[in-house]
Amino acid sequence: MGKINDLKNQALDTLRGKWGSFVGLTFIFILLYVLASGLAQYGAIFQGSKFTTLAMVFTIIGAIVTILFIPMQYGYYIAHLNSSRQDLPADIGDLFCGYRRFTDVFVTLLLQFLVIFAALLPYFIFFGVIAWLKLLESHIYLIIVVGCILMIPGLILGLAYTLVPFILHDQPDLRPADVLRESRMMMKGHKRELFLLMISFFGWMILTVFTFGIGMLWLAPYMGMTIVKFYEQLCTEYEMVDEENEPVVMNEPVVEKTPAQEVD
C-alpha cells in the first residue's frame, strides 16, 4: 500500500476544483442525518410525559426515517467513488443511489452493524454492570482500561468492514454475507494501515471543534476521498485465492454513467 501522505495527496488532487460540490453534498447529508436522528430522539423526549400519543407518533416516524436514511450513508461514499473514477464534481444524485437497490443496501449495512455490535456486546454489558453496581467513580481508571480492551474486537471488525459500501457497489451480484467476507479478505493485513490513516486525521478533527463543527464540511470529504484512494489502491493489489489455490479476480468496477455520457 502507498504511504499515508501519498493517499492523502491523491485525495486532495482529486478534490481540487470540486470542493464546492463536496461541501454542498456533505451539508445536505449532515442536515438529513440531523433530521433523522432528531425525529428519533423526540419520541424519547416525550416518553413518560402527558404527550403519550405524540411520543408514539415521533417514535414511529423517527424509526422509519432512520431506516430510510441507511442507504444515504452508502450513497455518500459512492459519490466520492464515482467522482474519483470520473474526475467530476460530486453528484448530489449519488447520495440517493442506494434507494435504487434499497433491499441489498439495507440488508448488507444492517448485517455489518449487527456483526460489529455483537463484537461490542461485552463492552456494553460491562458498562451496564458497572452502572448498575455504581462503581464508576470508585474504580474509574481500571474501568477505562478494561473498557478500552473490550472495544478492540469491535474496532478490528469496523476496520475489516470499511470497504463494504464500495464492494457492494462494484460487485452488485454478491450476497450481503459475501460482501462482508470480501471486505474482510481484502483488509487482511491492511487493517493497521487503515487505522494509522484514520488516526492521521485526528488533528484536523480537533480543529473542527474550534469551528463549531463547520470544518467538518471540508474534513468529511477529505477523509471520504482518502478512503476511496485506499480502496482503489488496494483493488490493484488484491488477489483472492480459493480453496484450490486458483486466483479469483474481482469483477470490473461499476462506473455509473452521467446523463450526458448516456446520450453520447
Protein backbone atom coordinates (compact mmCIF):
# COMPACT_ATOMS: atom_id res chain seq x y z
CA MET A 1 0.00 0.00 0.00
CA GLY A 2 1.03 3.58 -0.60
CA LYS A 3 2.18 5.76 2.23
CA ILE A 4 -0.38 7.73 4.18
CA ASN A 5 0.77 11.08 2.80
CA ASP A 6 0.61 9.74 -0.76
CA LEU A 7 -3.01 8.65 -0.34
CA LYS A 8 -3.99 11.96 1.25
CA ASN A 9 -2.25 13.91 -1.51
CA GLN A 10 -4.08 11.86 -4.13
CA ALA A 11 -7.35 12.67 -2.38
CA LEU A 12 -6.53 16.40 -2.35
CA ASP A 13 -5.63 16.28 -6.04
CA THR A 14 -8.99 14.68 -6.85
CA LEU A 15 -10.87 17.22 -4.73
CA ARG A 16 -9.10 20.18 -6.32
CA GLY A 17 -11.72 22.27 -8.12
CA LYS A 18 -14.53 20.14 -6.66
CA TRP A 19 -14.60 21.37 -3.06
CA GLY A 20 -17.79 23.36 -3.51
CA SER A 21 -19.76 20.36 -4.73
CA PHE A 22 -18.47 18.17 -1.89
CA VAL A 23 -19.15 20.79 0.77
CA GLY A 24 -22.71 21.02 -0.56
CA LEU A 25 -23.03 17.24 -0.63
CA THR A 26 -21.78 16.96 2.96
CA PHE A 27 -24.06 19.77 4.14
CA ILE A 28 -27.14 18.02 2.72
CA PHE A 29 -26.01 14.69 4.17
CA ILE A 30 -25.47 16.13 7.65
CA LEU A 31 -28.73 18.08 7.50
CA LEU A 32 -30.71 14.96 6.65
CA TYR A 33 -28.84 13.00 9.33
CA VAL A 34 -29.73 15.60 11.96
CA LEU A 35 -33.35 15.43 10.82
CA ALA A 36 -33.40 11.63 11.03
CA SER A 37 -31.72 11.43 14.43
CA GLY A 38 -33.74 14.38 15.75
CA LEU A 39 -37.07 12.75 14.95
CA ALA A 40 -35.90 9.54 16.60
CA GLN A 41 -34.94 11.46 19.77
CA TYR A 42 -38.20 13.40 20.05
CA GLY A 43 -40.04 10.19 20.84
CA ALA A 44 -37.73 9.59 23.81
CA ILE A 45 -38.20 13.18 24.98
CA PHE A 46 -41.96 12.82 25.19
CA GLN A 47 -41.87 9.33 26.71
CA GLY A 48 -43.33 9.27 30.21
CA SER A 49 -44.99 12.66 29.77
CA LYS A 50 -48.61 13.51 29.14
CA PHE A 51 -47.85 13.61 25.40
CA THR A 52 -48.08 9.83 25.11
CA THR A 53 -49.69 9.87 21.67
CA LEU A 54 -47.21 12.45 20.41
CA ALA A 55 -44.33 10.35 21.74
CA MET A 56 -45.63 7.31 19.87
CA VAL A 57 -46.01 9.30 16.64
CA PHE A 58 -42.47 10.71 16.85
CA THR A 59 -41.06 7.29 17.76
CA ILE A 60 -42.67 5.64 14.73
CA ILE A 61 -41.70 8.45 12.35
CA GLY A 62 -38.18 8.52 13.78
CA ALA A 63 -37.77 4.77 13.29
CA ILE A 64 -38.98 4.97 9.68
CA VAL A 65 -36.75 7.94 8.85
CA THR A 66 -33.74 6.25 10.48
CA ILE A 67 -34.29 3.14 8.33
CA LEU A 68 -34.72 5.24 5.20
CA PHE A 69 -31.51 7.12 5.98
CA ILE A 70 -29.31 3.99 5.92
CA PRO A 71 -28.96 3.84 2.08
CA MET A 72 -27.93 7.50 2.14
CA GLN A 73 -24.81 6.59 4.12
CA TYR A 74 -23.96 4.20 1.29
CA GLY A 75 -24.67 6.92 -1.28
CA TYR A 76 -22.34 9.39 0.43
CA TYR A 77 -19.37 7.06 -0.06
CA ILE A 78 -20.38 6.17 -3.62
CA ALA A 79 -20.49 9.87 -4.52
CA HIS A 80 -16.79 10.03 -3.61
CA LEU A 81 -16.03 6.83 -5.53
CA ASN A 82 -17.77 8.00 -8.71
CA SER A 83 -16.13 11.41 -8.52
CA SER A 84 -12.71 9.79 -8.20
CA ARG A 85 -13.26 7.50 -11.17
CA GLN A 86 -14.93 10.01 -13.48
CA ASP A 87 -12.94 13.07 -12.38
CA LEU A 88 -16.18 15.01 -11.97
CA PRO A 89 -17.62 17.14 -9.13
CA ALA A 90 -19.77 15.39 -6.54
CA ASP A 91 -23.18 14.46 -7.89
CA ILE A 92 -25.92 15.11 -5.34
CA GLY A 93 -27.94 12.40 -7.05
CA ASP A 94 -25.38 9.80 -5.97
CA LEU A 95 -26.43 10.49 -2.39
CA PHE A 96 -29.72 8.72 -3.17
CA CYS A 97 -28.35 5.94 -5.41
CA GLY A 98 -28.78 3.39 -2.62
CA TYR A 99 -32.57 3.64 -2.93
CA ARG A 100 -32.43 2.08 -6.40
CA ARG A 101 -31.38 -1.16 -4.69
CA PHE A 102 -32.78 -0.49 -1.25
CA THR A 103 -33.08 -4.11 -0.08
CA ASP A 104 -29.49 -5.09 -0.91
CA VAL A 105 -28.02 -1.95 0.62
CA PHE A 106 -30.19 -2.03 3.73
CA VAL A 107 -29.65 -5.73 4.47
CA THR A 108 -25.88 -5.54 3.87
CA LEU A 109 -25.32 -2.46 6.04
CA LEU A 110 -27.65 -3.82 8.72
CA LEU A 111 -25.70 -7.08 8.77
CA GLN A 112 -22.47 -5.11 9.05
CA PHE A 113 -23.88 -3.18 12.01
CA LEU A 114 -25.12 -6.31 13.77
CA VAL A 115 -21.78 -8.12 13.42
CA ILE A 116 -19.86 -5.16 14.85
CA PHE A 117 -22.47 -4.69 17.58
CA ALA A 118 -22.14 -8.36 18.57
CA ALA A 119 -18.37 -7.86 18.91
CA LEU A 120 -19.01 -4.86 21.17
CA LEU A 121 -21.65 -6.61 23.28
CA PRO A 122 -19.20 -7.46 26.12
CA TYR A 123 -18.28 -3.76 26.21
CA PHE A 124 -21.90 -2.67 26.64
CA ILE A 125 -22.63 -5.41 29.18
CA PHE A 126 -19.54 -4.43 31.18
CA PHE A 127 -20.58 -0.78 31.46
CA GLY A 128 -24.16 -1.80 32.16
CA VAL A 129 -22.99 -3.84 35.13
CA ILE A 130 -20.70 -1.02 36.28
CA ALA A 131 -23.58 1.46 36.16
CA TRP A 132 -25.89 -0.96 37.98
CA LEU A 133 -23.34 -1.54 40.75
CA LYS A 134 -22.47 2.19 40.84
CA LEU A 135 -18.73 1.52 40.64
CA LEU A 136 -17.85 4.13 38.03
CA GLU A 137 -16.42 6.77 40.37
CA SER A 138 -14.55 4.43 42.69
CA HIS A 139 -12.70 2.43 40.01
CA ILE A 140 -12.54 4.91 37.14
CA TYR A 141 -9.01 4.12 35.86
CA LEU A 142 -9.45 0.35 35.93
CA ILE A 143 -12.82 0.70 34.20
CA ILE A 144 -11.31 2.85 31.44
CA VAL A 145 -8.54 0.30 30.82
CA VAL A 146 -10.96 -2.66 30.73
CA GLY A 147 -13.37 -0.69 28.55
CA CYS A 148 -10.64 0.08 26.01
CA ILE A 149 -9.65 -3.59 25.89
CA LEU A 150 -13.26 -4.67 25.32
CA MET A 151 -13.56 -2.18 22.44
CA ILE A 152 -10.73 -3.79 20.47
CA PRO A 153 -12.80 -6.58 18.80
CA GLY A 154 -15.36 -4.05 17.57
CA LEU A 155 -12.61 -1.74 16.32
CA ILE A 156 -10.95 -4.58 14.41
CA LEU A 157 -14.22 -5.59 12.76
CA GLY A 158 -15.03 -1.96 11.99
CA LEU A 159 -11.75 -1.69 10.10
CA ALA A 160 -12.28 -5.05 8.40
CA TYR A 161 -15.67 -3.96 7.03
CA THR A 162 -14.73 -0.43 5.97
CA LEU A 163 -14.79 -1.42 2.30
CA VAL A 164 -18.33 -2.83 2.38
CA PRO A 165 -20.05 0.11 0.56
CA PHE A 166 -17.50 0.07 -2.27
CA ILE A 167 -17.62 -3.71 -2.76
CA LEU A 168 -21.41 -3.61 -2.63
CA HIS A 169 -21.30 -1.05 -5.45
CA ASP A 170 -18.63 -2.76 -7.58
CA GLN A 171 -19.94 -6.31 -7.17
CA PRO A 172 -23.74 -5.95 -7.05
CA ASP A 173 -24.34 -9.68 -7.54
CA LEU A 174 -22.75 -10.65 -4.23
CA ARG A 175 -24.98 -11.62 -1.31
CA PRO A 176 -24.74 -9.47 1.86
CA ALA A 177 -22.70 -12.06 3.75
CA ASP A 178 -20.33 -12.40 0.78
CA VAL A 179 -19.83 -8.63 0.62
CA LEU A 180 -18.72 -8.65 4.25
CA ARG A 181 -16.47 -11.63 3.58
CA GLU A 182 -14.90 -9.90 0.57
CA SER A 183 -14.18 -6.78 2.62
CA ARG A 184 -12.67 -8.89 5.38
CA MET A 185 -10.44 -10.72 2.89
CA MET A 186 -9.30 -7.51 1.18
CA MET A 187 -8.48 -5.90 4.51
CA LYS A 188 -6.46 -8.88 5.71
CA GLY A 189 -3.02 -7.49 6.56
CA HIS A 190 -4.14 -3.89 5.90
CA LYS A 191 -6.20 -3.02 8.99
CA ARG A 192 -3.21 -1.44 10.72
CA GLU A 193 -2.58 0.75 7.66
CA LEU A 194 -6.18 1.94 7.62
CA PHE A 195 -6.12 2.58 11.37
CA LEU A 196 -3.00 4.75 11.06
CA LEU A 197 -4.58 6.52 8.09
CA MET A 198 -7.66 7.41 10.14
CA ILE A 199 -5.54 8.48 13.13
CA SER A 200 -3.67 10.89 10.85
CA PHE A 201 -6.86 12.98 10.66
CA PHE A 202 -7.11 13.34 14.44
CA GLY A 203 -5.54 16.79 14.48
CA TRP A 204 -8.00 18.03 11.88
CA MET A 205 -10.87 16.59 13.93
CA ILE A 206 -9.77 18.63 16.93
CA LEU A 207 -9.66 21.77 14.79
CA THR A 208 -13.26 21.23 13.68
CA VAL A 209 -14.29 21.65 17.32
CA PHE A 210 -12.97 25.22 17.27
CA THR A 211 -15.06 25.91 14.15
CA PHE A 212 -18.21 24.67 15.94
CA GLY A 213 -18.34 21.71 13.58
CA ILE A 214 -18.37 23.79 10.38
CA GLY A 215 -14.93 22.48 9.45
CA MET A 216 -16.46 19.01 9.12
CA LEU A 217 -17.98 20.15 5.80
CA TRP A 218 -14.42 20.08 4.41
CA LEU A 219 -12.91 17.35 6.58
CA ALA A 220 -15.57 14.70 5.81
CA PRO A 221 -14.96 14.86 2.01
CA TYR A 222 -11.22 14.82 2.61
CA MET A 223 -11.48 11.69 4.74
CA GLY A 224 -14.03 10.07 2.43
CA MET A 225 -11.91 10.61 -0.68
CA THR A 226 -8.80 9.34 1.10
CA ILE A 227 -10.60 6.11 1.97
CA VAL A 228 -11.65 5.83 -1.68
CA LYS A 229 -7.99 6.13 -2.71
CA PHE A 230 -7.11 3.49 -0.12
CA TYR A 231 -9.76 1.18 -1.62
CA GLU A 232 -8.72 1.81 -5.23
CA GLN A 233 -5.07 1.12 -4.49
CA LEU A 234 -5.98 -1.98 -2.52
CA CYS A 235 -8.01 -3.23 -5.50
CA THR A 236 -4.91 -3.11 -7.69
CA GLU A 237 -3.02 -5.28 -5.19
CA TYR A 238 -5.81 -7.62 -4.19
CA GLU A 239 -5.93 -11.18 -5.44
CA MET A 240 -8.03 -13.71 -3.56
CA VAL A 241 -7.09 -17.39 -3.66
CA ASP A 242 -9.75 -20.07 -3.43
CA GLU A 243 -9.52 -23.46 -1.79
CA GLU A 244 -7.68 -24.89 -4.82
CA ASN A 245 -5.19 -22.00 -4.79
CA GLU A 246 -6.59 -20.63 -8.02
CA PRO A 247 -6.62 -16.83 -8.27
CA VAL A 248 -10.03 -15.23 -8.23
CA VAL A 249 -10.02 -11.78 -9.82
CA MET A 250 -12.52 -9.20 -8.64
CA ASN A 251 -15.24 -8.10 -11.04
CA GLU A 252 -14.64 -4.95 -13.06
CA PRO A 253 -15.63 -1.84 -11.08
CA VAL A 254 -19.05 -0.46 -11.88
CA VAL A 255 -18.85 3.11 -13.15
CA GLU A 256 -22.24 4.79 -13.27
CA LYS A 257 -22.66 6.95 -16.34
CA THR A 258 -23.83 10.51 -16.17
CA PRO A 259 -26.86 11.53 -18.28
CA ALA A 260 -24.51 13.26 -20.76
CA GLN A 261 -22.43 10.10 -21.17
CA GLU A 262 -25.55 8.01 -21.76
CA VAL A 263 -26.64 10.34 -24.57
CA ASP A 264 -23.25 10.00 -26.25
